Amino acid sequence: MLNIKRKYFTWAMLLLVGMGYFSVMSSLDMNYFLKSLIAIMPIQLGSVIYMTYLRWNQS
């Protein structure tokens, strides 16, 4: 039961952070090329952190 609550809490937090990031990115007035690079940056950082985590915890 606790795992289900933790799972929903994690999804809710990710949803709130995503919505906040989207609203900030939508309100920026800058070049579209730079805006697209900045918009993709969290995905790239997340994947680098995840791959580093997997490599360090490998047996």
N, C-alpha and C. Protein backbone atom coordinates (compact mmCIF):
# COMPACT_ATOMS: atom_id res chain seq x y z
N MET A 1 0.82 -1.20 0.00
CA MET A 1 0.00 0.00 0.00
C MET A 1 0.86 1.26 0.00
N LEU A 2 1.97 1.22 0.75
CA LEU A 2 2.84 2.38 0.81
C LEU A 2 3.51 2.64 -0.53
N ASN A 3 3.83 1.58 -1.27
CA ASN A 3 4.44 1.74 -2.58
C ASN A 3 3.52 2.44 -3.56
N ILE A 4 2.23 2.14 -3.48
CA ILE A 4 1.27 2.78 -4.37
C ILE A 4 1.20 4.28 -4.07
N LYS A 5 1.18 4.64 -2.81
CA LYS A 5 1.13 6.06 -2.44
C LYS A 5 2.39 6.77 -2.88
N ARG A 6 3.55 6.14 -2.71
CA ARG A 6 4.80 6.74 -3.14
C ARG A 6 4.85 6.93 -4.64
N LYS A 7 4.30 5.95 -5.35
CA LYS A 7 4.27 6.02 -6.81
C LYS A 7 3.40 7.19 -7.28
N TYR A 8 2.22 7.34 -6.69
CA TYR A 8 1.34 8.44 -7.06
C TYR A 8 1.94 9.79 -6.67
N PHE A 9 2.60 9.83 -5.53
CA PHE A 9 3.25 11.07 -5.11
C PHE A 9 4.36 11.46 -6.08
N THR A 10 5.13 10.48 -6.52
CA THR A 10 6.21 10.75 -7.48
C THR A 10 5.64 11.26 -8.79
N TRP A 11 4.58 10.62 -9.29
CA TRP A 11 3.97 11.07 -10.53
C TRP A 11 3.38 12.48 -10.39
N ALA A 12 2.77 12.76 -9.25
CA ALA A 12 2.20 14.09 -9.03
C ALA A 12 3.29 15.16 -9.00
N MET A 13 4.41 14.86 -8.34
CA MET A 13 5.51 15.83 -8.30
C MET A 13 6.11 16.05 -9.68
N LEU A 14 6.30 14.97 -10.43
CA LEU A 14 6.83 15.10 -11.79
C LEU A 14 5.87 15.90 -12.68
N LEU A 15 4.59 15.70 -12.49
CA LEU A 15 3.60 16.45 -13.26
C LEU A 15 3.65 17.94 -12.92
N LEU A 16 3.75 18.27 -11.64
CA LEU A 16 3.84 19.68 -11.24
C LEU A 16 5.11 20.34 -11.75
N VAL A 17 6.23 19.65 -11.67
CA VAL A 17 7.49 20.21 -12.17
C VAL A 17 7.42 20.38 -13.68
N GLY A 18 6.84 19.42 -14.38
CA GLY A 18 6.70 19.53 -15.83
C GLY A 18 5.81 20.68 -16.25
N MET A 19 4.72 20.87 -15.53
CA MET A 19 3.82 21.98 -15.85
C MET A 19 4.49 23.32 -15.58
N GLY A 20 5.23 23.40 -14.49
CA GLY A 20 5.95 24.64 -14.19
C GLY A 20 7.01 24.94 -15.23
N TYR A 21 7.74 23.91 -15.63
CA TYR A 21 8.78 24.09 -16.65
C TYR A 21 8.16 24.51 -17.98
N PHE A 22 7.03 23.91 -18.34
CA PHE A 22 6.36 24.28 -19.58
C PHE A 22 5.89 25.73 -19.54
N SER A 23 5.36 26.18 -18.41
CA SER A 23 4.87 27.55 -18.34
C SER A 23 6.03 28.55 -18.40
N VAL A 24 7.16 28.21 -17.77
CA VAL A 24 8.32 29.10 -17.84
C VAL A 24 8.86 29.15 -19.26
N MET A 25 8.96 28.00 -19.92
CA MET A 25 9.47 27.97 -21.29
C MET A 25 8.53 28.69 -22.26
N SER A 26 7.23 28.63 -22.00
CA SER A 26 6.27 29.29 -22.88
C SER A 26 6.35 30.80 -22.76
N SER A 27 6.72 31.29 -21.59
CA SER A 27 6.72 32.74 -21.40
C SER A 27 8.04 33.40 -21.77
N LEU A 28 9.06 32.62 -22.09
CA LEU A 28 10.34 33.22 -22.47
C LEU A 28 10.27 33.82 -23.87
N ASP A 29 10.83 35.01 -24.01
CA ASP A 29 10.92 35.64 -25.32
C ASP A 29 12.36 35.56 -25.78
N MET A 30 12.64 34.56 -26.58
CA MET A 30 13.99 34.39 -27.11
C MET A 30 13.92 33.67 -28.45
N ASN A 31 15.06 33.50 -29.06
CA ASN A 31 15.17 32.83 -30.33
C ASN A 31 14.62 31.40 -30.21
N TYR A 32 13.88 30.95 -31.23
CA TYR A 32 13.26 29.63 -31.17
C TYR A 32 14.29 28.51 -31.13
N PHE A 33 15.43 28.70 -31.79
CA PHE A 33 16.48 27.67 -31.76
C PHE A 33 17.02 27.50 -30.35
N LEU A 34 17.32 28.60 -29.67
CA LEU A 34 17.80 28.52 -28.29
C LEU A 34 16.74 27.98 -27.36
N LYS A 35 15.49 28.36 -27.59
CA LYS A 35 14.41 27.88 -26.74
C LYS A 35 14.27 26.36 -26.87
N SER A 36 14.43 25.83 -28.08
CA SER A 36 14.32 24.38 -28.26
C SER A 36 15.49 23.66 -27.60
N LEU A 37 16.67 24.25 -27.64
CA LEU A 37 17.82 23.64 -26.96
C LEU A 37 17.62 23.63 -25.44
N ILE A 38 17.11 24.71 -24.90
CA ILE A 38 16.87 24.79 -23.46
C ILE A 38 15.74 23.85 -23.05
N ALA A 39 14.75 23.68 -23.92
CA ALA A 39 13.61 22.81 -23.59
C ALA A 39 14.03 21.35 -23.50
N ILE A 40 15.01 20.94 -24.28
CA ILE A 40 15.45 19.53 -24.30
C ILE A 40 16.47 19.25 -23.20
N MET A 41 17.08 20.28 -22.64
CA MET A 41 18.17 20.08 -21.67
C MET A 41 17.79 19.22 -20.46
N PRO A 42 16.62 19.36 -19.82
CA PRO A 42 16.31 18.49 -18.68
C PRO A 42 16.23 17.02 -19.05
N ILE A 43 15.77 16.72 -20.24
CA ILE A 43 15.70 15.32 -20.68
C ILE A 43 17.11 14.76 -20.83
N GLN A 44 18.01 15.55 -21.41
CA GLN A 44 19.39 15.10 -21.57
C GLN A 44 20.08 14.93 -20.22
N LEU A 45 19.88 15.86 -19.31
CA LEU A 45 20.49 15.74 -17.99
C LEU A 45 19.93 14.55 -17.22
N GLY A 46 18.64 14.34 -17.32
CA GLY A 46 18.04 13.19 -16.66
C GLY A 46 18.57 11.87 -17.19
N SER A 47 18.75 11.77 -18.48
CA SER A 47 19.27 10.52 -19.04
C SER A 47 20.73 10.31 -18.68
N VAL A 48 21.52 11.38 -18.61
CA VAL A 48 22.92 11.24 -18.19
C VAL A 48 23.00 10.79 -16.73
N ILE A 49 22.17 11.36 -15.88
CA ILE A 49 22.17 10.97 -14.47
C ILE A 49 21.71 9.52 -14.33
N TYR A 50 20.70 9.12 -15.08
CA TYR A 50 20.20 7.74 -15.01
C TYR A 50 21.25 6.74 -15.50
N MET A 51 21.91 7.04 -16.60
CA MET A 51 22.95 6.14 -17.11
C MET A 51 24.13 6.06 -16.15
N THR A 52 24.50 7.17 -15.54
CA THR A 52 25.58 7.15 -14.55
C THR A 52 25.19 6.31 -13.35
N TYR A 53 23.94 6.44 -12.90
CA TYR A 53 23.44 5.64 -11.78
C TYR A 53 23.49 4.14 -12.11
N LEU A 54 23.04 3.78 -13.33
CA LEU A 54 23.06 2.38 -13.72
C LEU A 54 24.48 1.82 -13.79
N ARG A 55 25.40 2.63 -14.30
CA ARG A 55 26.78 2.16 -14.43
C ARG A 55 27.43 1.96 -13.06
N TRP A 56 27.18 2.87 -12.12
CA TRP A 56 27.79 2.75 -10.80
C TRP A 56 27.21 1.61 -9.99
N ASN A 57 25.94 1.26 -10.23
CA ASN A 57 25.30 0.20 -9.47
C ASN A 57 25.35 -1.15 -10.18
N GLN A 58 26.15 -1.25 -11.21
CA GLN A 58 26.27 -2.50 -11.95
C GLN A 58 27.14 -3.48 -11.17
N SER A 59 26.80 -4.76 -11.20
CA SER A 59 27.60 -5.73 -10.47
C SER A 59 28.72 -6.28 -11.32
